[in-house]
PDB file of all heavy atoms in Angstrom:
ATOM      1  N   PRO A   1      33.114  67.047 -81.769  1.00  0.00           N
ATOM      2  CA  PRO A   1      33.526  65.803 -82.405  1.00  0.00           C
ATOM      3  C   PRO A   1      34.981  65.503 -82.032  1.00  0.00           C
ATOM      4  O   PRO A   1      35.805  66.392 -81.882  1.00  0.00           O
ATOM      5  CB  PRO A   1      33.312  66.032 -83.911  1.00  0.00           C
ATOM      6  CG  PRO A   1      33.297  67.524 -84.024  1.00  0.00           C
ATOM      7  CD  PRO A   1      32.829  68.095 -82.727  1.00  0.00           C
ATOM      8  N   THR A   2      35.298  64.213 -81.952  1.00  0.00           N
ATOM      9  CA  THR A   2      36.692  63.822 -81.728  1.00  0.00           C
ATOM     10  C   THR A   2      37.191  63.209 -83.049  1.00  0.00           C
ATOM     11  O   THR A   2      36.666  62.173 -83.507  1.00  0.00           O
ATOM     12  CB  THR A   2      36.716  62.670 -80.623  1.00  0.00           C
ATOM     13  OG1 THR A   2      36.083  63.217 -79.439  1.00  0.00           O
ATOM     14  CG2 THR A   2      38.140  62.297 -80.342  1.00  0.00           C
ATOM     15  N   PRO A   3      38.124  63.902 -83.658  1.00  0.00           N
ATOM     16  CA  PRO A   3      38.618  63.463 -84.975  1.00  0.00           C
ATOM     17  C   PRO A   3      39.129  62.007 -84.936  1.00  0.00           C
ATOM     18  O   PRO A   3      39.837  61.581 -84.038  1.00  0.00           O
ATOM     19  CB  PRO A   3      39.787  64.413 -85.250  1.00  0.00           C
ATOM     20  CG  PRO A   3      39.521  65.613 -84.378  1.00  0.00           C
ATOM     21  CD  PRO A   3      38.811  65.091 -83.197  1.00  0.00           C
ATOM     22  N   GLY A   4      38.691  61.240 -85.873  1.00  0.00           N
ATOM     23  CA  GLY A   4      39.092  59.830 -86.004  1.00  0.00           C
ATOM     24  C   GLY A   4      38.464  58.853 -85.022  1.00  0.00           C
ATOM     25  O   GLY A   4      38.758  57.669 -85.073  1.00  0.00           O
ATOM     26  N   ILE A   5      37.623  59.343 -84.164  1.00  0.00           N
ATOM     27  CA  ILE A   5      37.002  58.452 -83.183  1.00  0.00           C
ATOM     28  C   ILE A   5      35.603  58.060 -83.514  1.00  0.00           C
ATOM     29  O   ILE A   5      35.229  56.920 -83.485  1.00  0.00           O
ATOM     30  CB  ILE A   5      37.019  59.097 -81.760  1.00  0.00           C
ATOM     31  CG1 ILE A   5      38.448  59.394 -81.322  1.00  0.00           C
ATOM     32  CG2 ILE A   5      36.273  58.262 -80.753  1.00  0.00           C
ATOM     33  CD1 ILE A   5      39.269  58.112 -81.088  1.00  0.00           C
ATOM     34  N   GLY A   6      34.778  59.002 -83.884  1.00  0.00           N
ATOM     35  CA  GLY A   6      33.363  58.669 -84.235  1.00  0.00           C
ATOM     36  C   GLY A   6      32.391  59.591 -83.572  1.00  0.00           C
ATOM     37  O   GLY A   6      32.747  60.733 -83.185  1.00  0.00           O
ATOM     38  N   THR A   7      31.180  59.170 -83.460  1.00  0.00           N
ATOM     39  CA  THR A   7      30.084  59.997 -82.967  1.00  0.00           C
ATOM     40  C   THR A   7      29.626  59.582 -81.585  1.00  0.00           C
ATOM     41  O   THR A   7      29.471  58.382 -81.309  1.00  0.00           O
ATOM     42  CB  THR A   7      28.867  59.886 -83.958  1.00  0.00           C
ATOM     43  OG1 THR A   7      29.306  60.230 -85.261  1.00  0.00           O
ATOM     44  CG2 THR A   7      27.732  60.772 -83.536  1.00  0.00           C
ATOM     45  N   LEU A   8      29.449  60.511 -80.756  1.00  0.00           N
ATOM     46  CA  LEU A   8      28.969  60.312 -79.336  1.00  0.00           C
ATOM     47  C   LEU A   8      27.466  60.492 -79.349  1.00  0.00           C
ATOM     48  O   LEU A   8      26.995  61.482 -79.923  1.00  0.00           O
ATOM     49  CB  LEU A   8      29.637  61.302 -78.397  1.00  0.00           C
ATOM     50  CG  LEU A   8      29.172  61.292 -76.941  1.00  0.00           C
ATOM     51  CD1 LEU A   8      29.735  60.083 -76.247  1.00  0.00           C
ATOM     52  CD2 LEU A   8      29.603  62.566 -76.271  1.00  0.00           C
ATOM     53  N   SER A   9      26.722  59.632 -78.720  1.00  0.00           N
ATOM     54  CA  SER A   9      25.283  59.822 -78.545  1.00  0.00           C
ATOM     55  C   SER A   9      24.891  59.448 -77.152  1.00  0.00           C
ATOM     56  O   SER A   9      25.451  58.555 -76.530  1.00  0.00           O
ATOM     57  CB  SER A   9      24.516  58.966 -79.580  1.00  0.00           C
ATOM     58  OG  SER A   9      24.727  57.607 -79.383  1.00  0.00           O
ATOM     59  N   VAL A  10      23.921  60.169 -76.623  1.00  0.00           N
ATOM     60  CA  VAL A  10      23.388  59.945 -75.259  1.00  0.00           C
ATOM     61  C   VAL A  10      21.935  59.738 -75.376  1.00  0.00           C
ATOM     62  O   VAL A  10      21.219  60.375 -76.131  1.00  0.00           O
ATOM     63  CB  VAL A  10      23.701  61.223 -74.387  1.00  0.00           C
ATOM     64  CG1 VAL A  10      23.085  61.024 -72.998  1.00  0.00           C
ATOM     65  CG2 VAL A  10      25.196  61.544 -74.331  1.00  0.00           C
ATOM     66  N   GLY A  11      21.392  58.793 -74.607  1.00  0.00           N
ATOM     67  CA  GLY A  11      19.953  58.500 -74.707  1.00  0.00           C
ATOM     68  C   GLY A  11      19.418  58.051 -73.370  1.00  0.00           C
ATOM     69  O   GLY A  11      20.120  57.943 -72.356  1.00  0.00           O
ATOM     70  N   ASP A  12      18.146  57.677 -73.371  1.00  0.00           N
ATOM     71  CA  ASP A  12      17.428  57.260 -72.181  1.00  0.00           C
ATOM     72  C   ASP A  12      17.629  55.739 -71.904  1.00  0.00           C
ATOM     73  O   ASP A  12      17.465  55.302 -70.718  1.00  0.00           O
ATOM     74  CB  ASP A  12      15.957  57.561 -72.278  1.00  0.00           C
ATOM     75  CG  ASP A  12      15.664  59.057 -72.188  1.00  0.00           C
ATOM     76  OD1 ASP A  12      16.478  59.767 -71.556  1.00  0.00           O
ATOM     77  OD2 ASP A  12      14.629  59.464 -72.699  1.00  0.00           O
ATOM     78  N   GLY A  13      17.897  54.957 -72.826  1.00  0.00           N
ATOM     79  CA  GLY A  13      18.062  53.553 -72.644  1.00  0.00           C
ATOM     80  C   GLY A  13      18.342  52.884 -73.974  1.00  0.00           C
ATOM     81  O   GLY A  13      17.868  53.364 -75.027  1.00  0.00           O
ATOM     82  N   ASP A  14      19.093  51.847 -73.964  1.00  0.00           N
ATOM     83  CA  ASP A  14      19.484  51.130 -75.192  1.00  0.00           C
ATOM     84  C   ASP A  14      19.737  49.709 -74.871  1.00  0.00           C
ATOM     85  O   ASP A  14      20.795  49.314 -74.394  1.00  0.00           O
ATOM     86  CB  ASP A  14      20.744  51.831 -75.737  1.00  0.00           C
ATOM     87  CG  ASP A  14      21.191  51.290 -77.118  1.00  0.00           C
ATOM     88  OD1 ASP A  14      20.904  50.142 -77.401  1.00  0.00           O
ATOM     89  OD2 ASP A  14      21.809  52.067 -77.848  1.00  0.00           O
ATOM     90  N   GLU A  15      18.714  48.873 -75.060  1.00  0.00           N
ATOM     91  CA  GLU A  15      18.827  47.446 -74.706  1.00  0.00           C
ATOM     92  C   GLU A  15      19.927  46.727 -75.494  1.00  0.00           C
ATOM     93  O   GLU A  15      20.661  45.914 -74.904  1.00  0.00           O
ATOM     94  CB  GLU A  15      17.464  46.750 -75.002  1.00  0.00           C
ATOM     95  CG  GLU A  15      17.402  45.334 -74.499  1.00  0.00           C
ATOM     96  CD  GLU A  15      16.015  44.706 -74.620  1.00  0.00           C
ATOM     97  OE1 GLU A  15      15.050  45.445 -74.536  1.00  0.00           O
ATOM     98  OE2 GLU A  15      15.985  43.509 -74.876  1.00  0.00           O
ATOM     99  N   GLU A  16      20.100  47.102 -76.721  1.00  0.00           N
ATOM    100  CA  GLU A  16      21.153  46.533 -77.559  1.00  0.00           C
ATOM    101  C   GLU A  16      22.552  46.872 -77.006  1.00  0.00           C
ATOM    102  O   GLU A  16      23.399  46.019 -76.891  1.00  0.00           O
ATOM    103  CB  GLU A  16      21.041  47.000 -79.001  1.00  0.00           C
ATOM    104  CG  GLU A  16      22.046  46.369 -79.933  1.00  0.00           C
ATOM    105  CD  GLU A  16      21.851  46.846 -81.348  1.00  0.00           C
ATOM    106  OE1 GLU A  16      20.695  47.067 -81.801  1.00  0.00           O
ATOM    107  OE2 GLU A  16      22.878  47.032 -82.019  1.00  0.00           O
ATOM    108  N   LEU A  17      22.711  48.162 -76.603  1.00  0.00           N
ATOM    109  CA  LEU A  17      23.988  48.578 -75.983  1.00  0.00           C
ATOM    110  C   LEU A  17      24.217  47.845 -74.679  1.00  0.00           C
ATOM    111  O   LEU A  17      25.313  47.372 -74.411  1.00  0.00           O
ATOM    112  CB  LEU A  17      23.983  50.075 -75.812  1.00  0.00           C
ATOM    113  CG  LEU A  17      25.255  50.668 -75.145  1.00  0.00           C
ATOM    114  CD1 LEU A  17      26.503  50.376 -75.989  1.00  0.00           C
ATOM    115  CD2 LEU A  17      25.070  52.124 -74.888  1.00  0.00           C
ATOM    116  N   ASP A  18      23.194  47.732 -73.861  1.00  0.00           N
ATOM    117  CA  ASP A  18      23.316  47.069 -72.564  1.00  0.00           C
ATOM    118  C   ASP A  18      23.800  45.578 -72.770  1.00  0.00           C
ATOM    119  O   ASP A  18      24.687  45.138 -72.068  1.00  0.00           O
ATOM    120  CB  ASP A  18      22.012  47.037 -71.795  1.00  0.00           C
ATOM    121  CG  ASP A  18      21.611  48.359 -71.222  1.00  0.00           C
ATOM    122  OD1 ASP A  18      22.518  49.253 -71.154  1.00  0.00           O
ATOM    123  OD2 ASP A  18      20.478  48.546 -70.841  1.00  0.00           O
ATOM    124  N   LYS A  19      23.220  44.896 -73.733  1.00  0.00           N
ATOM    125  CA  LYS A  19      23.623  43.521 -74.020  1.00  0.00           C
ATOM    126  C   LYS A  19      25.041  43.467 -74.479  1.00  0.00           C
ATOM    127  O   LYS A  19      25.828  42.580 -74.071  1.00  0.00           O
ATOM    128  CB  LYS A  19      22.667  42.917 -75.071  1.00  0.00           C
ATOM    129  CG  LYS A  19      21.278  42.527 -74.524  1.00  0.00           C
ATOM    130  CD  LYS A  19      20.451  41.923 -75.610  1.00  0.00           C
ATOM    131  CE  LYS A  19      19.048  41.687 -75.050  1.00  0.00           C
ATOM    132  NZ  LYS A  19      18.152  41.144 -76.109  1.00  0.00           N
ATOM    133  N   ARG A  20      25.410  44.375 -75.359  1.00  0.00           N
ATOM    134  CA  ARG A  20      26.818  44.375 -75.860  1.00  0.00           C
ATOM    135  C   ARG A  20      27.818  44.668 -74.747  1.00  0.00           C
ATOM    136  O   ARG A  20      28.845  44.007 -74.641  1.00  0.00           O
ATOM    137  CB  ARG A  20      26.916  45.431 -76.974  1.00  0.00           C
ATOM    138  CG  ARG A  20      28.305  45.674 -77.518  1.00  0.00           C
ATOM    139  CD  ARG A  20      28.783  44.482 -78.397  1.00  0.00           C
ATOM    140  NE  ARG A  20      30.165  44.631 -78.807  1.00  0.00           N
ATOM    141  CZ  ARG A  20      30.535  45.221 -79.938  1.00  0.00           C
ATOM    142  NH1 ARG A  20      29.620  45.741 -80.766  1.00  0.00           N
ATOM    143  NH2 ARG A  20      31.806  45.356 -80.248  1.00  0.00           N
ATOM    144  N   LEU A  21      27.505  45.660 -73.904  1.00  0.00           N
ATOM    145  CA  LEU A  21      28.415  45.981 -72.793  1.00  0.00           C
ATOM    146  C   LEU A  21      28.552  44.847 -71.862  1.00  0.00           C
ATOM    147  O   LEU A  21      29.665  44.502 -71.380  1.00  0.00           O
ATOM    148  CB  LEU A  21      27.926  47.239 -72.073  1.00  0.00           C
ATOM    149  CG  LEU A  21      27.959  48.539 -72.870  1.00  0.00           C
ATOM    150  CD1 LEU A  21      27.333  49.648 -72.017  1.00  0.00           C
ATOM    151  CD2 LEU A  21      29.291  48.943 -73.331  1.00  0.00           C
ATOM    152  N   ASP A  22      27.461  44.174 -71.560  1.00  0.00           N
ATOM    153  CA  ASP A  22      27.484  42.998 -70.672  1.00  0.00           C
ATOM    154  C   ASP A  22      28.355  41.936 -71.235  1.00  0.00           C
ATOM    155  O   ASP A  22      29.216  41.352 -70.552  1.00  0.00           O
ATOM    156  CB  ASP A  22      26.033  42.497 -70.400  1.00  0.00           C
ATOM    157  CG  ASP A  22      26.055  41.326 -69.450  1.00  0.00           C
ATOM    158  OD1 ASP A  22      26.565  41.421 -68.300  1.00  0.00           O
ATOM    159  OD2 ASP A  22      25.516  40.267 -69.831  1.00  0.00           O
ATOM    160  N   ALA A  23      28.208  41.654 -72.527  1.00  0.00           N
ATOM    161  CA  ALA A  23      29.019  40.591 -73.167  1.00  0.00           C
ATOM    162  C   ALA A  23      30.481  40.994 -73.184  1.00  0.00           C
ATOM    163  O   ALA A  23      31.378  40.177 -72.908  1.00  0.00           O
ATOM    164  CB  ALA A  23      28.513  40.392 -74.597  1.00  0.00           C
ATOM    165  N   GLU A  24      30.763  42.245 -73.532  1.00  0.00           N
ATOM    166  CA  GLU A  24      32.149  42.687 -73.606  1.00  0.00           C
ATOM    167  C   GLU A  24      32.804  42.647 -72.227  1.00  0.00           C
ATOM    168  O   GLU A  24      33.973  42.204 -72.069  1.00  0.00           O
ATOM    169  CB  GLU A  24      32.257  44.091 -74.221  1.00  0.00           C
ATOM    170  CG  GLU A  24      31.765  44.164 -75.659  1.00  0.00           C
ATOM    171  CD  GLU A  24      32.713  43.475 -76.662  1.00  0.00           C
ATOM    172  OE1 GLU A  24      33.810  43.113 -76.316  1.00  0.00           O
ATOM    173  OE2 GLU A  24      32.295  43.348 -77.846  1.00  0.00           O
ATOM    174  N   LEU A  25      32.157  43.185 -71.205  1.00  0.00           N
ATOM    175  CA  LEU A  25      32.722  43.181 -69.854  1.00  0.00           C
ATOM    176  C   LEU A  25      32.886  41.791 -69.294  1.00  0.00           C
ATOM    177  O   LEU A  25      33.883  41.466 -68.613  1.00  0.00           O
ATOM    178  CB  LEU A  25      31.900  44.078 -68.921  1.00  0.00           C
ATOM    179  CG  LEU A  25      32.035  45.543 -69.175  1.00  0.00           C
ATOM    180  CD1 LEU A  25      31.010  46.345 -68.395  1.00  0.00           C
ATOM    181  CD2 LEU A  25      33.477  46.031 -68.886  1.00  0.00           C
ATOM    182  N   THR A  26      31.909  40.930 -69.536  1.00  0.00           N
ATOM    183  CA  THR A  26      32.004  39.554 -69.105  1.00  0.00           C
ATOM    184  C   THR A  26      33.246  38.855 -69.753  1.00  0.00           C
ATOM    185  O   THR A  26      33.982  38.192 -69.070  1.00  0.00           O
ATOM    186  CB  THR A  26      30.737  38.775 -69.399  1.00  0.00           C
ATOM    187  OG1 THR A  26      29.679  39.388 -68.670  1.00  0.00           O
ATOM    188  CG2 THR A  26      30.831  37.262 -69.006  1.00  0.00           C
TER     189      THR A  26
END
Protein backbone atom coordinates (compact mmCIF):
# COMPACT_ATOMS: atom_id res chain seq x y z
CA PRO A 1 0.00 0.00 0.00
CA THR A 2 1.06 3.58 -0.65
CA PRO A 3 0.19 5.70 2.40
CA GLY A 4 -2.22 8.51 1.57
CA ILE A 5 -2.64 7.44 -2.05
CA GLY A 6 -5.25 4.71 -2.15
CA THR A 7 -5.71 1.19 -3.44
CA LEU A 8 -4.14 -0.31 -6.55
CA SER A 9 -6.13 -2.88 -8.51
CA VAL A 10 -5.27 -4.83 -11.65
CA GLY A 11 -7.83 -6.54 -13.87
CA ASP A 12 -8.60 -7.98 -17.28
CA GLY A 13 -10.67 -5.08 -18.57
CA ASP A 14 -12.64 -2.13 -17.28
CA GLU A 15 -14.92 -0.33 -19.73
CA GLU A 16 -15.69 2.41 -17.22
CA LEU A 17 -11.97 3.02 -16.63
CA ASP A 18 -11.30 3.07 -20.39
CA LYS A 19 -13.98 5.73 -20.90
CA ARG A 20 -12.65 7.82 -18.03
CA LEU A 21 -9.04 7.61 -19.24
CA ASP A 22 -10.10 8.55 -22.77
CA ALA A 23 -12.03 11.57 -21.47
CA GLU A 24 -9.20 12.69 -19.18
CA LEU A 25 -6.46 12.31 -21.81
CA THR A 26 -8.57 14.01 -24.46
